[in-house]
Amino acid sequence: GGMPGAQNLYDNNKVHEAIDFANSNKRLVCAICAAPFILGRKGLLNGKSATCFPGFEDELVGANLVESGVIIDGLVVTAKGAGVAWEFGAAICSIIKGEEKSLEILRGIQWRK
């Protein structure tokens, strides 16, 4: 996420290859802050609920925009920005390792949840 980082990611062919591989093989695709615009431009948010850093909403082509900090829609996870980074990581962990493991990690770092 962030700028110009997200634009640099968008301009990198390896990033596109990785996203395409994950999407084609029904793997998790996650983006935070400005980076969800990459998924939007690639058409991966069509019909999906998604969020991003304010100001990038128009780039989330085909998405159902949601104001929440973190959105999970199938195998796509999007988040607004650094302020929800812990929630973003926990959401990803819960998909991969389960909700209990996610909560265990959050408790272990004394996160507020």
PDB file of N, CA and C in Angstrom:
ATOM      1  N   GLY A   1       0.808  -1.195   0.000  1.00  0.00           N
ATOM      2  CA  GLY A   1       0.000   0.000   0.000  1.00  0.00           C
ATOM      3  C   GLY A   1       0.850   1.258   0.000  1.00  0.00           C
ATOM      4  N   GLY A   2       0.196   2.368   0.129  1.00  0.00           N
ATOM      5  CA  GLY A   2       0.895   3.647   0.134  1.00  0.00           C
ATOM      6  C   GLY A   2       1.298   4.084  -1.259  1.00  0.00           C
ATOM      7  N   MET A   3       1.687   5.336  -1.360  1.00  0.00           N
ATOM      8  CA  MET A   3       2.157   5.888  -2.632  1.00  0.00           C
ATOM      9  C   MET A   3       3.514   6.533  -2.402  1.00  0.00           C
ATOM     10  N   PRO A   4       4.444   6.375  -3.271  1.00  0.00           N
ATOM     11  CA  PRO A   4       4.304   5.800  -4.606  1.00  0.00           C
ATOM     12  C   PRO A   4       4.452   4.281  -4.641  1.00  0.00           C
ATOM     13  N   GLY A   5       4.533   3.656  -3.458  1.00  0.00           N
ATOM     14  CA  GLY A   5       4.727   2.203  -3.414  1.00  0.00           C
ATOM     15  C   GLY A   5       3.706   1.413  -4.208  1.00  0.00           C
ATOM     16  N   ALA A   6       2.420   1.734  -4.066  1.00  0.00           N
ATOM     17  CA  ALA A   6       1.386   0.989  -4.778  1.00  0.00           C
ATOM     18  C   ALA A   6       1.515   1.170  -6.290  1.00  0.00           C
ATOM     19  N   GLN A   7       1.868   2.377  -6.730  1.00  0.00           N
ATOM     20  CA  GLN A   7       2.084   2.596  -8.161  1.00  0.00           C
ATOM     21  C   GLN A   7       3.293   1.798  -8.645  1.00  0.00           C
ATOM     22  N   ASN A   8       4.347   1.750  -7.829  1.00  0.00           N
ATOM     23  CA  ASN A   8       5.526   0.959  -8.189  1.00  0.00           C
ATOM     24  C   ASN A   8       5.171  -0.524  -8.311  1.00  0.00           C
ATOM     25  N   LEU A   9       4.311  -1.001  -7.415  1.00  0.00           N
ATOM     26  CA  LEU A   9       3.847  -2.392  -7.515  1.00  0.00           C
ATOM     27  C   LEU A   9       3.056  -2.595  -8.805  1.00  0.00           C
ATOM     28  N   TYR A  10       2.174  -1.662  -9.099  1.00  0.00           N
ATOM     29  CA  TYR A  10       1.364  -1.773 -10.317  1.00  0.00           C
ATOM     30  C   TYR A  10       2.240  -1.798 -11.569  1.00  0.00           C
ATOM     31  N   ASP A  11       3.331  -1.074 -11.546  1.00  0.00           N
ATOM     32  CA  ASP A  11       4.222  -0.988 -12.710  1.00  0.00           C
ATOM     33  C   ASP A  11       5.155  -2.188 -12.843  1.00  0.00           C
ATOM     34  N   ASN A  12       5.118  -3.114 -11.883  1.00  0.00           N
ATOM     35  CA  ASN A  12       6.026  -4.252 -11.873  1.00  0.00           C
ATOM     36  C   ASN A  12       5.339  -5.501 -12.431  1.00  0.00           C
ATOM     37  N   ASN A  13       5.884  -6.059 -13.497  1.00  0.00           N
ATOM     38  CA  ASN A  13       5.301  -7.250 -14.130  1.00  0.00           C
ATOM     39  C   ASN A  13       5.250  -8.448 -13.194  1.00  0.00           C
ATOM     40  N   LYS A  14       6.240  -8.600 -12.317  1.00  0.00           N
ATOM     41  CA  LYS A  14       6.257  -9.735 -11.375  1.00  0.00           C
ATOM     42  C   LYS A  14       5.066  -9.668 -10.429  1.00  0.00           C
ATOM     43  N   VAL A  15       4.685  -8.472 -10.041  1.00  0.00           N
ATOM     44  CA  VAL A  15       3.512  -8.311  -9.175  1.00  0.00           C
ATOM     45  C   VAL A  15       2.263  -8.770  -9.907  1.00  0.00           C
ATOM     46  N   HIS A  16       2.125  -8.382 -11.156  1.00  0.00           N
ATOM     47  CA  HIS A  16       0.970  -8.819 -11.946  1.00  0.00           C
ATOM     48  C   HIS A  16       0.961 -10.330 -12.113  1.00  0.00           C
ATOM     49  N   GLU A  17       2.121 -10.912 -12.357  1.00  0.00           N
ATOM     50  CA  GLU A  17       2.220 -12.372 -12.491  1.00  0.00           C
ATOM     51  C   GLU A  17       1.790 -13.061 -11.201  1.00  0.00           C
ATOM     52  N   ALA A  18       2.244 -12.544 -10.058  1.00  0.00           N
ATOM     53  CA  ALA A  18       1.883 -13.138  -8.771  1.00  0.00           C
ATOM     54  C   ALA A  18       0.377 -13.027  -8.502  1.00  0.00           C
ATOM     55  N   ILE A  19      -0.189 -11.859  -8.776  1.00  0.00           N
ATOM     56  CA  ILE A  19      -1.632 -11.668  -8.575  1.00  0.00           C
ATOM     57  C   ILE A  19      -2.420 -12.575  -9.512  1.00  0.00           C
ATOM     58  N   ASP A  20      -2.008 -12.628 -10.763  1.00  0.00           N
ATOM     59  CA  ASP A  20      -2.703 -13.486 -11.731  1.00  0.00           C
ATOM     60  C   ASP A  20      -2.619 -14.948 -11.329  1.00  0.00           C
ATOM     61  N   PHE A  21      -1.438 -15.397 -10.864  1.00  0.00           N
ATOM     62  CA  PHE A  21      -1.278 -16.780 -10.418  1.00  0.00           C
ATOM     63  C   PHE A  21      -2.213 -17.069  -9.254  1.00  0.00           C
ATOM     64  N   ALA A  22      -2.202 -16.184  -8.248  1.00  0.00           N
ATOM     65  CA  ALA A  22      -3.047 -16.380  -7.075  1.00  0.00           C
ATOM     66  C   ALA A  22      -4.524 -16.431  -7.470  1.00  0.00           C
ATOM     67  N   ASN A  23      -4.940 -15.500  -8.291  1.00  0.00           N
ATOM     68  CA  ASN A  23      -6.333 -15.457  -8.715  1.00  0.00           C
ATOM     69  C   ASN A  23      -6.716 -16.699  -9.527  1.00  0.00           C
ATOM     70  N   SER A  24      -5.886 -17.090 -10.458  1.00  0.00           N
ATOM     71  CA  SER A  24      -6.174 -18.254 -11.307  1.00  0.00           C
ATOM     72  C   SER A  24      -6.200 -19.561 -10.526  1.00  0.00           C
ATOM     73  N   ASN A  25      -5.438 -19.609  -9.446  1.00  0.00           N
ATOM     74  CA  ASN A  25      -5.328 -20.831  -8.649  1.00  0.00           C
ATOM     75  C   ASN A  25      -6.137 -20.767  -7.358  1.00  0.00           C
ATOM     76  N   LYS A  26      -7.076 -19.835  -7.322  1.00  0.00           N
ATOM     77  CA  LYS A  26      -7.983 -19.688  -6.181  1.00  0.00           C
ATOM     78  C   LYS A  26      -7.225 -19.569  -4.862  1.00  0.00           C
ATOM     79  N   ARG A  27      -6.263 -18.644  -4.859  1.00  0.00           N
ATOM     80  CA  ARG A  27      -5.474 -18.331  -3.674  1.00  0.00           C
ATOM     81  C   ARG A  27      -5.869 -16.951  -3.169  1.00  0.00           C
ATOM     82  N   LEU A  28      -5.486 -16.668  -1.968  1.00  0.00           N
ATOM     83  CA  LEU A  28      -5.778 -15.394  -1.329  1.00  0.00           C
ATOM     84  C   LEU A  28      -5.052 -14.245  -2.025  1.00  0.00           C
ATOM     85  N   VAL A  29      -5.767 -13.141  -2.242  1.00  0.00           N
ATOM     86  CA  VAL A  29      -5.183 -11.913  -2.787  1.00  0.00           C
ATOM     87  C   VAL A  29      -5.558 -10.796  -1.815  1.00  0.00           C
ATOM     88  N   CYS A  30      -4.539 -10.088  -1.308  1.00  0.00           N
ATOM     89  CA  CYS A  30      -4.770  -9.078  -0.277  1.00  0.00           C
ATOM     90  C   CYS A  30      -4.088  -7.770  -0.662  1.00  0.00           C
ATOM     91  N   ALA A  31      -4.738  -6.655  -0.335  1.00  0.00           N
ATOM     92  CA  ALA A  31      -4.167  -5.341  -0.631  1.00  0.00           C
ATOM     93  C   ALA A  31      -4.661  -4.339   0.401  1.00  0.00           C
ATOM     94  N   ILE A  32      -3.752  -3.456   0.815  1.00  0.00           N
ATOM     95  CA  ILE A  32      -4.073  -2.459   1.838  1.00  0.00           C
ATOM     96  C   ILE A  32      -3.717  -1.061   1.338  1.00  0.00           C
ATOM     97  N   CYS A  33      -4.407  -0.063   1.852  1.00  0.00           N
ATOM     98  CA  CYS A  33      -4.148   1.349   1.600  1.00  0.00           C
ATOM     99  C   CYS A  33      -4.493   1.697   0.145  1.00  0.00           C
ATOM    100  N   ALA A  34      -3.534   2.164  -0.627  1.00  0.00           N
ATOM    101  CA  ALA A  34      -3.784   2.500  -2.027  1.00  0.00           C
ATOM    102  C   ALA A  34      -3.778   1.259  -2.920  1.00  0.00           C
ATOM    103  N   ALA A  35      -3.104   0.202  -2.486  1.00  0.00           N
ATOM    104  CA  ALA A  35      -2.892  -0.973  -3.333  1.00  0.00           C
ATOM    105  C   ALA A  35      -4.161  -1.660  -3.858  1.00  0.00           C
ATOM    106  N   PRO A  36      -5.317  -1.574  -3.203  1.00  0.00           N
ATOM    107  CA  PRO A  36      -6.497  -2.180  -3.812  1.00  0.00           C
ATOM    108  C   PRO A  36      -6.794  -1.655  -5.219  1.00  0.00           C
ATOM    109  N   PHE A  37      -6.266  -0.459  -5.556  1.00  0.00           N
ATOM    110  CA  PHE A  37      -6.502   0.045  -6.909  1.00  0.00           C
ATOM    111  C   PHE A  37      -5.918  -0.912  -7.953  1.00  0.00           C
ATOM    112  N   ILE A  38      -4.869  -1.618  -7.608  1.00  0.00           N
ATOM    113  CA  ILE A  38      -4.266  -2.588  -8.534  1.00  0.00           C
ATOM    114  C   ILE A  38      -5.282  -3.670  -8.858  1.00  0.00           C
ATOM    115  N   LEU A  39      -5.943  -4.185  -7.833  1.00  0.00           N
ATOM    116  CA  LEU A  39      -6.949  -5.230  -8.033  1.00  0.00           C
ATOM    117  C   LEU A  39      -8.130  -4.701  -8.832  1.00  0.00           C
ATOM    118  N   GLY A  40      -8.508  -3.455  -8.554  1.00  0.00           N
ATOM    119  CA  GLY A  40      -9.608  -2.836  -9.295  1.00  0.00           C
ATOM    120  C   GLY A  40      -9.279  -2.684 -10.769  1.00  0.00           C
ATOM    121  N   ARG A  41      -8.104  -2.190 -11.053  1.00  0.00           N
ATOM    122  CA  ARG A  41      -7.701  -2.019 -12.456  1.00  0.00           C
ATOM    123  C   ARG A  41      -7.605  -3.350 -13.191  1.00  0.00           C
ATOM    124  N   LYS A  42      -7.293  -4.410 -12.468  1.00  0.00           N
ATOM    125  CA  LYS A  42      -7.187  -5.735 -13.078  1.00  0.00           C
ATOM    126  C   LYS A  42      -8.552  -6.414 -13.212  1.00  0.00           C
ATOM    127  N   GLY A  43      -9.609  -5.773 -12.710  1.00  0.00           N
ATOM    128  CA  GLY A  43     -10.943  -6.354 -12.813  1.00  0.00           C
ATOM    129  C   GLY A  43     -11.231  -7.420 -11.777  1.00  0.00           C
ATOM    130  N   LEU A  44     -10.398  -7.520 -10.751  1.00  0.00           N
ATOM    131  CA  LEU A  44     -10.569  -8.573  -9.750  1.00  0.00           C
ATOM    132  C   LEU A  44     -11.559  -8.217  -8.654  1.00  0.00           C
ATOM    133  N   LEU A  45     -12.081  -6.998  -8.682  1.00  0.00           N
ATOM    134  CA  LEU A  45     -13.043  -6.577  -7.659  1.00  0.00           C
ATOM    135  C   LEU A  45     -14.468  -6.516  -8.176  1.00  0.00           C
ATOM    136  N   ASN A  46     -14.680  -6.914  -9.410  1.00  0.00           N
ATOM    137  CA  ASN A  46     -16.027  -6.883  -9.993  1.00  0.00           C
ATOM    138  C   ASN A  46     -17.008  -7.663  -9.126  1.00  0.00           C
ATOM    139  N   GLY A  47     -18.019  -6.973  -8.618  1.00  0.00           N
ATOM    140  CA  GLY A  47     -19.048  -7.610  -7.804  1.00  0.00           C
ATOM    141  C   GLY A  47     -18.620  -7.928  -6.391  1.00  0.00           C
ATOM    142  N   LYS A  48     -17.423  -7.553  -6.001  1.00  0.00           N
ATOM    143  CA  LYS A  48     -16.932  -7.831  -4.650  1.00  0.00           C
ATOM    144  C   LYS A  48     -17.012  -6.579  -3.786  1.00  0.00           C
ATOM    145  N   SER A  49     -17.186  -6.781  -2.493  1.00  0.00           N
ATOM    146  CA  SER A  49     -17.100  -5.682  -1.545  1.00  0.00           C
ATOM    147  C   SER A  49     -15.626  -5.410  -1.304  1.00  0.00           C
ATOM    148  N   ALA A  50     -15.258  -4.128  -1.243  1.00  0.00           N
ATOM    149  CA  ALA A  50     -13.858  -3.764  -1.062  1.00  0.00           C
ATOM    150  C   ALA A  50     -13.758  -2.375  -0.453  1.00  0.00           C
ATOM    151  N   THR A  51     -12.573  -2.076   0.063  1.00  0.00           N
ATOM    152  CA  THR A  51     -12.280  -0.772   0.627  1.00  0.00           C
ATOM    153  C   THR A  51     -10.856  -0.379   0.241  1.00  0.00           C
ATOM    154  N   CYS A  52     -10.512   0.879   0.494  1.00  0.00           N
ATOM    155  CA  CYS A  52      -9.172   1.380   0.167  1.00  0.00           C
ATOM    156  C   CYS A  52      -8.941   2.689   0.906  1.00  0.00           C
ATOM    157  N   PHE A  53      -7.749   3.233   0.767  1.00  0.00           N
ATOM    158  CA  PHE A  53      -7.442   4.542   1.328  1.00  0.00           C
ATOM    159  C   PHE A  53      -8.324   5.580   0.631  1.00  0.00           C
ATOM    160  N   PRO A  54      -8.911   6.502   1.385  1.00  0.00           N
ATOM    161  CA  PRO A  54      -9.771   7.511   0.770  1.00  0.00           C
ATOM    162  C   PRO A  54      -9.077   8.249  -0.381  1.00  0.00           C
ATOM    163  N   GLY A  55      -9.819   8.370  -1.473  1.00  0.00           N
ATOM    164  CA  GLY A  55      -9.303   9.033  -2.665  1.00  0.00           C
ATOM    165  C   GLY A  55      -9.010   8.072  -3.802  1.00  0.00           C
ATOM    166  N   PHE A  56      -8.989   6.773  -3.503  1.00  0.00           N
ATOM    167  CA  PHE A  56      -8.717   5.768  -4.528  1.00  0.00           C
ATOM    168  C   PHE A  56      -9.971   4.988  -4.920  1.00  0.00           C
ATOM    169  N   GLU A  57     -11.110   5.390  -4.388  1.00  0.00           N
ATOM    170  CA  GLU A  57     -12.351   4.646  -4.621  1.00  0.00           C
ATOM    171  C   GLU A  57     -12.681   4.483  -6.105  1.00  0.00           C
ATOM    172  N   ASP A  58     -12.449   5.507  -6.910  1.00  0.00           N
ATOM    173  CA  ASP A  58     -12.779   5.429  -8.333  1.00  0.00           C
ATOM    174  C   ASP A  58     -11.976   4.361  -9.057  1.00  0.00           C
ATOM    175  N   GLU A  59     -10.853   3.954  -8.482  1.00  0.00           N
ATOM    176  CA  GLU A  59      -9.995   2.930  -9.088  1.00  0.00           C
ATOM    177  C   GLU A  59     -10.473   1.514  -8.785  1.00  0.00           C
ATOM    178  N   LEU A  60     -11.396   1.369  -7.851  1.00  0.00           N
ATOM    179  CA  LEU A  60     -11.879   0.040  -7.483  1.00  0.00           C
ATOM    180  C   LEU A  60     -13.002  -0.372  -8.431  1.00  0.00           C
ATOM    181  N   VAL A  61     -12.648  -0.528  -9.675  1.00  0.00           N
ATOM    182  CA  VAL A  61     -13.577  -0.776 -10.768  1.00  0.00           C
ATOM    183  C   VAL A  61     -14.450  -1.999 -10.473  1.00  0.00           C
ATOM    184  N   GLY A  62     -15.751  -1.799 -10.499  1.00  0.00           N
ATOM    185  CA  GLY A  62     -16.710  -2.884 -10.325  1.00  0.00           C
ATOM    186  C   GLY A  62     -16.960  -3.299  -8.893  1.00  0.00           C
ATOM    187  N   ALA A  63     -16.277  -2.679  -7.943  1.00  0.00           N
ATOM    188  CA  ALA A  63     -16.423  -3.075  -6.536  1.00  0.00           C
ATOM    189  C   ALA A  63     -17.639  -2.431  -5.891  1.00  0.00           C
ATOM    190  N   ASN A  64     -18.159  -3.106  -4.876  1.00  0.00           N
ATOM    191  CA  ASN A  64     -19.163  -2.541  -3.980  1.00  0.00           C
ATOM    192  C   ASN A  64     -18.364  -1.890  -2.854  1.00  0.00           C
ATOM    193  N   LEU A  65     -18.284  -0.582  -2.862  1.00  0.00           N
ATOM    194  CA  LEU A  65     -17.454   0.128  -1.887  1.00  0.00           C
ATOM    195  C   LEU A  65     -18.059   0.056  -0.497  1.00  0.00           C
ATOM    196  N   VAL A  66     -17.199  -0.249   0.474  1.00  0.00           N
ATOM    197  CA  VAL A  66     -17.599  -0.372   1.868  1.00  0.00           C
ATOM    198  C   VAL A  66     -16.662   0.500   2.689  1.00  0.00           C
ATOM    199  N   GLU A  67     -17.199   1.188   3.687  1.00  0.00           N
ATOM    200  CA  GLU A  67     -16.405   2.099   4.506  1.00  0.00           C
ATOM    201  C   GLU A  67     -15.623   1.419   5.625  1.00  0.00           C
ATOM    202  N   SER A  68     -15.843   0.145   5.856  1.00  0.00           N
ATOM    203  CA  SER A  68     -15.145  -0.555   6.936  1.00  0.00           C
ATOM    204  C   SER A  68     -13.646  -0.560   6.722  1.00  0.00           C
ATOM    205  N   GLY A  69     -12.915  -0.772   7.807  1.00  0.00           N
ATOM    206  CA  GLY A  69     -11.457  -0.780   7.741  1.00  0.00           C
ATOM    207  C   GLY A  69     -10.885  -1.953   6.987  1.00  0.00           C
ATOM    208  N   VAL A  70     -11.489  -3.133   7.167  1.00  0.00           N
ATOM    209  CA  VAL A  70     -11.015  -4.351   6.511  1.00  0.00           C
ATOM    210  C   VAL A  70     -12.221  -5.089   5.947  1.00  0.00           C
ATOM    211  N   ILE A  71     -12.106  -5.539   4.715  1.00  0.00           N
ATOM    212  CA  ILE A  71     -13.190  -6.274   4.061  1.00  0.00           C
ATOM    213  C   ILE A  71     -12.651  -7.597   3.544  1.00  0.00           C
ATOM    214  N   ILE A  72     -13.353  -8.671   3.886  1.00  0.00           N
ATOM    215  CA  ILE A  72     -13.063  -9.988   3.326  1.00  0.00           C
ATOM    216  C   ILE A  72     -14.228 -10.336   2.415  1.00  0.00           C
ATOM    217  N   ASP A  73     -13.938 -10.597   1.156  1.00  0.00           N
ATOM    218  CA  ASP A  73     -14.963 -11.049   0.218  1.00  0.00           C
ATOM    219  C   ASP A  73     -14.377 -12.215  -0.558  1.00  0.00           C
ATOM    220  N   GLY A  74     -14.736 -13.403  -0.127  1.00  0.00           N
ATOM    221  CA  GLY A  74     -14.165 -14.599  -0.745  1.00  0.00           C
ATOM    222  C   GLY A  74     -12.677 -14.658  -0.463  1.00  0.00           C
ATOM    223  N   LEU A  75     -11.892 -14.747  -1.512  1.00  0.00           N
ATOM    224  CA  LEU A  75     -10.441 -14.829  -1.374  1.00  0.00           C
ATOM    225  C   LEU A  75      -9.753 -13.485  -1.599  1.00  0.00           C
ATOM    226  N   VAL A  76     -10.516 -12.409  -1.470  1.00  0.00           N
ATOM    227  CA  VAL A  76      -9.946 -11.062  -1.602  1.00  0.00           C
ATOM    228  C   VAL A  76     -10.121 -10.326  -0.272  1.00  0.00           C
ATOM    229  N   VAL A  77      -8.993  -9.803   0.231  1.00  0.00           N
ATOM    230  CA  VAL A  77      -9.019  -9.009   1.456  1.00  0.00           C
ATOM    231  C   VAL A  77      -8.469  -7.632   1.113  1.00  0.00           C
ATOM    232  N   THR A  78      -9.236  -6.600   1.436  1.00  0.00           N
ATOM    233  CA  THR A  78      -8.776  -5.224   1.230  1.00  0.00           C
ATOM    234  C   THR A  78      -8.887  -4.467   2.548  1.00  0.00           C
ATOM    235  N   ALA A  79      -8.046  -3.434   2.685  1.00  0.00           N
ATOM    236  CA  ALA A  79      -8.056  -2.642   3.914  1.00  0.00           C
ATOM    237  C   ALA A  79      -7.750  -1.188   3.600  1.00  0.00           C
ATOM    238  N   LYS A  80      -8.224  -0.288   4.481  1.00  0.00           N
ATOM    239  CA  LYS A  80      -8.110   1.157   4.265  1.00  0.00           C
ATOM    240  C   LYS A  80      -6.698   1.703   4.368  1.00  0.00           C
ATOM    241  N   GLY A  81      -5.895   1.257   5.332  1.00  0.00           N
ATOM    242  CA  GLY A  81      -4.566   1.836   5.493  1.00  0.00           C
ATOM    243  C   GLY A  81      -3.852   1.344   6.726  1.00  0.00           C
ATOM    244  N   ALA A  82      -2.729   1.987   7.027  1.00  0.00           N
ATOM    245  CA  ALA A  82      -1.855   1.562   8.119  1.00  0.00           C
ATOM    246  C   ALA A  82      -2.573   1.496   9.466  1.00  0.00           C
ATOM    247  N   GLY A  83      -3.568   2.328   9.663  1.00  0.00           N
ATOM    248  CA  GLY A  83      -4.306   2.333  10.924  1.00  0.00           C
ATOM    249  C   GLY A  83      -5.059   1.054  11.208  1.00  0.00           C
ATOM    250  N   VAL A  84      -5.294   0.252  10.205  1.00  0.00           N
ATOM    251  CA  VAL A  84      -5.984  -1.031  10.392  1.00  0.00           C
ATOM    252  C   VAL A  84      -5.073  -2.204  10.023  1.00  0.00           C
ATOM    253  N   ALA A  85      -3.771  -1.973  10.063  1.00  0.00           N
ATOM    254  CA  ALA A  85      -2.824  -3.024   9.668  1.00  0.00           C
ATOM    255  C   ALA A  85      -2.947  -4.284  10.528  1.00  0.00           C
ATOM    256  N   TRP A  86      -3.155  -4.106  11.842  1.00  0.00           N
ATOM    257  CA  TRP A  86      -3.309  -5.293  12.695  1.00  0.00           C
ATOM    258  C   TRP A  86      -4.557  -6.075  12.328  1.00  0.00           C
ATOM    259  N   GLU A  87      -5.657  -5.379  12.096  1.00  0.00           N
ATOM    260  CA  GLU A  87      -6.894  -6.057  11.690  1.00  0.00           C
ATOM    261  C   GLU A  87      -6.723  -6.753  10.341  1.00  0.00           C
ATOM    262  N   PHE A  88      -6.019  -6.091   9.428  1.00  0.00           N
ATOM    263  CA  PHE A  88      -5.741  -6.656   8.109  1.00  0.00           C
ATOM    264  C   PHE A  88      -4.958  -7.962   8.257  1.00  0.00           C
ATOM    265  N   GLY A  89      -3.893  -7.922   9.028  1.00  0.00           N
ATOM    266  CA  GLY A  89      -3.098  -9.123   9.258  1.00  0.00           C
ATOM    267  C   GLY A  89      -3.897 -10.214   9.946  1.00  0.00           C
ATOM    268  N   ALA A  90      -4.708  -9.825  10.913  1.00  0.00           N
ATOM    269  CA  ALA A  90      -5.535 -10.803  11.626  1.00  0.00           C
ATOM    270  C   ALA A  90      -6.564 -11.444  10.702  1.00  0.00           C
ATOM    271  N   ALA A  91      -7.127 -10.657   9.800  1.00  0.00           N
ATOM    272  CA  ALA A  91      -8.095 -11.200   8.839  1.00  0.00           C
ATOM    273  C   ALA A  91      -7.429 -12.237   7.936  1.00  0.00           C
ATOM    274  N   ILE A  92      -6.245 -11.918   7.474  1.00  0.00           N
ATOM    275  CA  ILE A  92      -5.508 -12.846   6.615  1.00  0.00           C
ATOM    276  C   ILE A  92      -5.170 -14.117   7.391  1.00  0.00           C
ATOM    277  N   CYS A  93      -4.682 -13.940   8.613  1.00  0.00           N
ATOM    278  CA  CYS A  93      -4.347 -15.089   9.459  1.00  0.00           C
ATOM    279  C   CYS A  93      -5.574 -15.959   9.711  1.00  0.00           C
ATOM    280  N   SER A  94      -6.715 -15.333   9.959  1.00  0.00           N
ATOM    281  CA  SER A  94      -7.926 -16.114  10.253  1.00  0.00           C
ATOM    282  C   SER A  94      -8.352 -16.960   9.057  1.00  0.00           C
ATOM    283  N   ILE A  95      -8.115 -16.458   7.860  1.00  0.00           N
ATOM    284  CA  ILE A  95      -8.451 -17.235   6.663  1.00  0.00           C
ATOM    285  C   ILE A  95      -7.493 -18.410   6.506  1.00  0.00           C
ATOM    286  N   ILE A  96      -6.218 -18.175   6.755  1.00  0.00           N
ATOM    287  CA  ILE A  96      -5.197 -19.204   6.543  1.00  0.00           C
ATOM    288  C   ILE A  96      -5.139 -20.202   7.696  1.00  0.00           C
ATOM    289  N   LYS A  97      -5.179 -19.699   8.939  1.00  0.00           N
ATOM    290  CA  LYS A  97      -4.966 -20.561  10.117  1.00  0.00           C
ATOM    291  C   LYS A  97      -6.163 -20.665  11.047  1.00  0.00           C
ATOM    292  N   GLY A  98      -7.219 -19.905  10.769  1.00  0.00           N
ATOM    293  CA  GLY A  98      -8.409 -19.965  11.608  1.00  0.00           C
ATOM    294  C   GLY A  98      -8.493 -18.811  12.588  1.00  0.00           C
ATOM    295  N   GLU A  99      -9.712 -18.527  12.995  1.00  0.00           N
ATOM    296  CA  GLU A  99      -9.996 -17.390  13.878  1.00  0.00           C
ATOM    297  C   GLU A  99      -9.288 -17.530  15.225  1.00  0.00           C
ATOM    298  N   GLU A 100      -9.270 -18.735  15.795  1.00  0.00           N
ATOM    299  CA  GLU A 100      -8.644 -18.915  17.108  1.00  0.00           C
ATOM    300  C   GLU A 100      -7.153 -18.588  17.067  1.00  0.00           C
ATOM    301  N   LYS A 101      -6.449 -19.021  16.035  1.00  0.00           N
ATOM    302  CA  LYS A 101      -5.024 -18.724  15.914  1.00  0.00           C
ATOM    303  C   LYS A 101      -4.812 -17.224  15.753  1.00  0.00           C
ATOM    304  N   SER A 102      -5.664 -16.595  14.961  1.00  0.00           N
ATOM    305  CA  SER A 102      -5.586 -15.153  14.771  1.00  0.00           C
ATOM    306  C   SER A 102      -5.733 -14.425  16.102  1.00  0.00           C
ATOM    307  N   LEU A 103      -6.725 -14.809  16.894  1.00  0.00           N
ATOM    308  CA  LEU A 103      -6.948 -14.189  18.203  1.00  0.00           C
ATOM    309  C   LEU A 103      -5.798 -14.482  19.161  1.00  0.00           C
ATOM    310  N   GLU A 104      -5.258 -15.674  19.096  1.00  0.00           N
ATOM    311  CA  GLU A 104      -4.111 -16.035  19.944  1.00  0.00           C
ATOM    312  C   GLU A 104      -2.920 -15.111  19.671  1.00  0.00           C
ATOM    313  N   ILE A 105      -2.662 -14.858  18.408  1.00  0.00           N
ATOM    314  CA  ILE A 105      -1.562 -13.966  18.038  1.00  0.00           C
ATOM    315  C   ILE A 105      -1.832 -12.552  18.524  1.00  0.00           C
ATOM    316  N   LEU A 106      -3.048 -12.066  18.309  1.00  0.00           N
ATOM    317  CA  LEU A 106      -3.389 -10.718  18.766  1.00  0.00           C
ATOM    318  C   LEU A 106      -3.264 -10.592  20.286  1.00  0.00           C
ATOM    319  N   ARG A 107      -3.728 -11.604  21.012  1.00  0.00           N
ATOM    320  CA  ARG A 107      -3.591 -11.560  22.470  1.00  0.00           C
ATOM    321  C   ARG A 107      -2.129 -11.590  22.881  1.00  0.00           C
ATOM    322  N   GLY A 108      -1.323 -12.351  22.161  1.00  0.00           N
ATOM    323  CA  GLY A 108       0.100 -12.474  22.462  1.00  0.00           C
ATOM    324  C   GLY A 108       0.876 -11.182  22.332  1.00  0.00           C
ATOM    325  N   ILE A 109       0.404 -10.300  21.476  1.00  0.00           N
ATOM    326  CA  ILE A 109       1.085  -9.005  21.304  1.00  0.00           C
ATOM    327  C   ILE A 109       0.378  -7.895  22.100  1.00  0.00           C
ATOM    328  N   GLN A 110      -0.588  -8.303  22.915  1.00  0.00           N
ATOM    329  CA  GLN A 110      -1.330  -7.363  23.750  1.00  0.00           C
ATOM    330  C   GLN A 110      -2.136  -6.371  22.933  1.00  0.00           C
ATOM    331  N   TRP A 111      -2.590  -6.807  21.782  1.00  0.00           N
ATOM    332  CA  TRP A 111      -3.449  -5.965  20.957  1.00  0.00           C
ATOM    333  C   TRP A 111      -4.776  -5.784  21.653  1.00  0.00           C
ATOM    334  N   ARG A 112      -5.458  -4.738  21.386  1.00  0.00           N
ATOM    335  CA  ARG A 112      -6.651  -4.344  22.143  1.00  0.00           C
ATOM    336  C   ARG A 112      -7.835  -5.273  22.015  1.00  0.00           C
ATOM    337  N   LYS A 113      -7.844  -6.188  21.084  1.00  0.00           N
ATOM    338  CA  LYS A 113      -9.036  -7.019  20.845  1.00  0.00           C
ATOM    339  C   LYS A 113      -9.274  -8.013  21.958  1.00  0.00           C
TER     340      LYS A 113
END
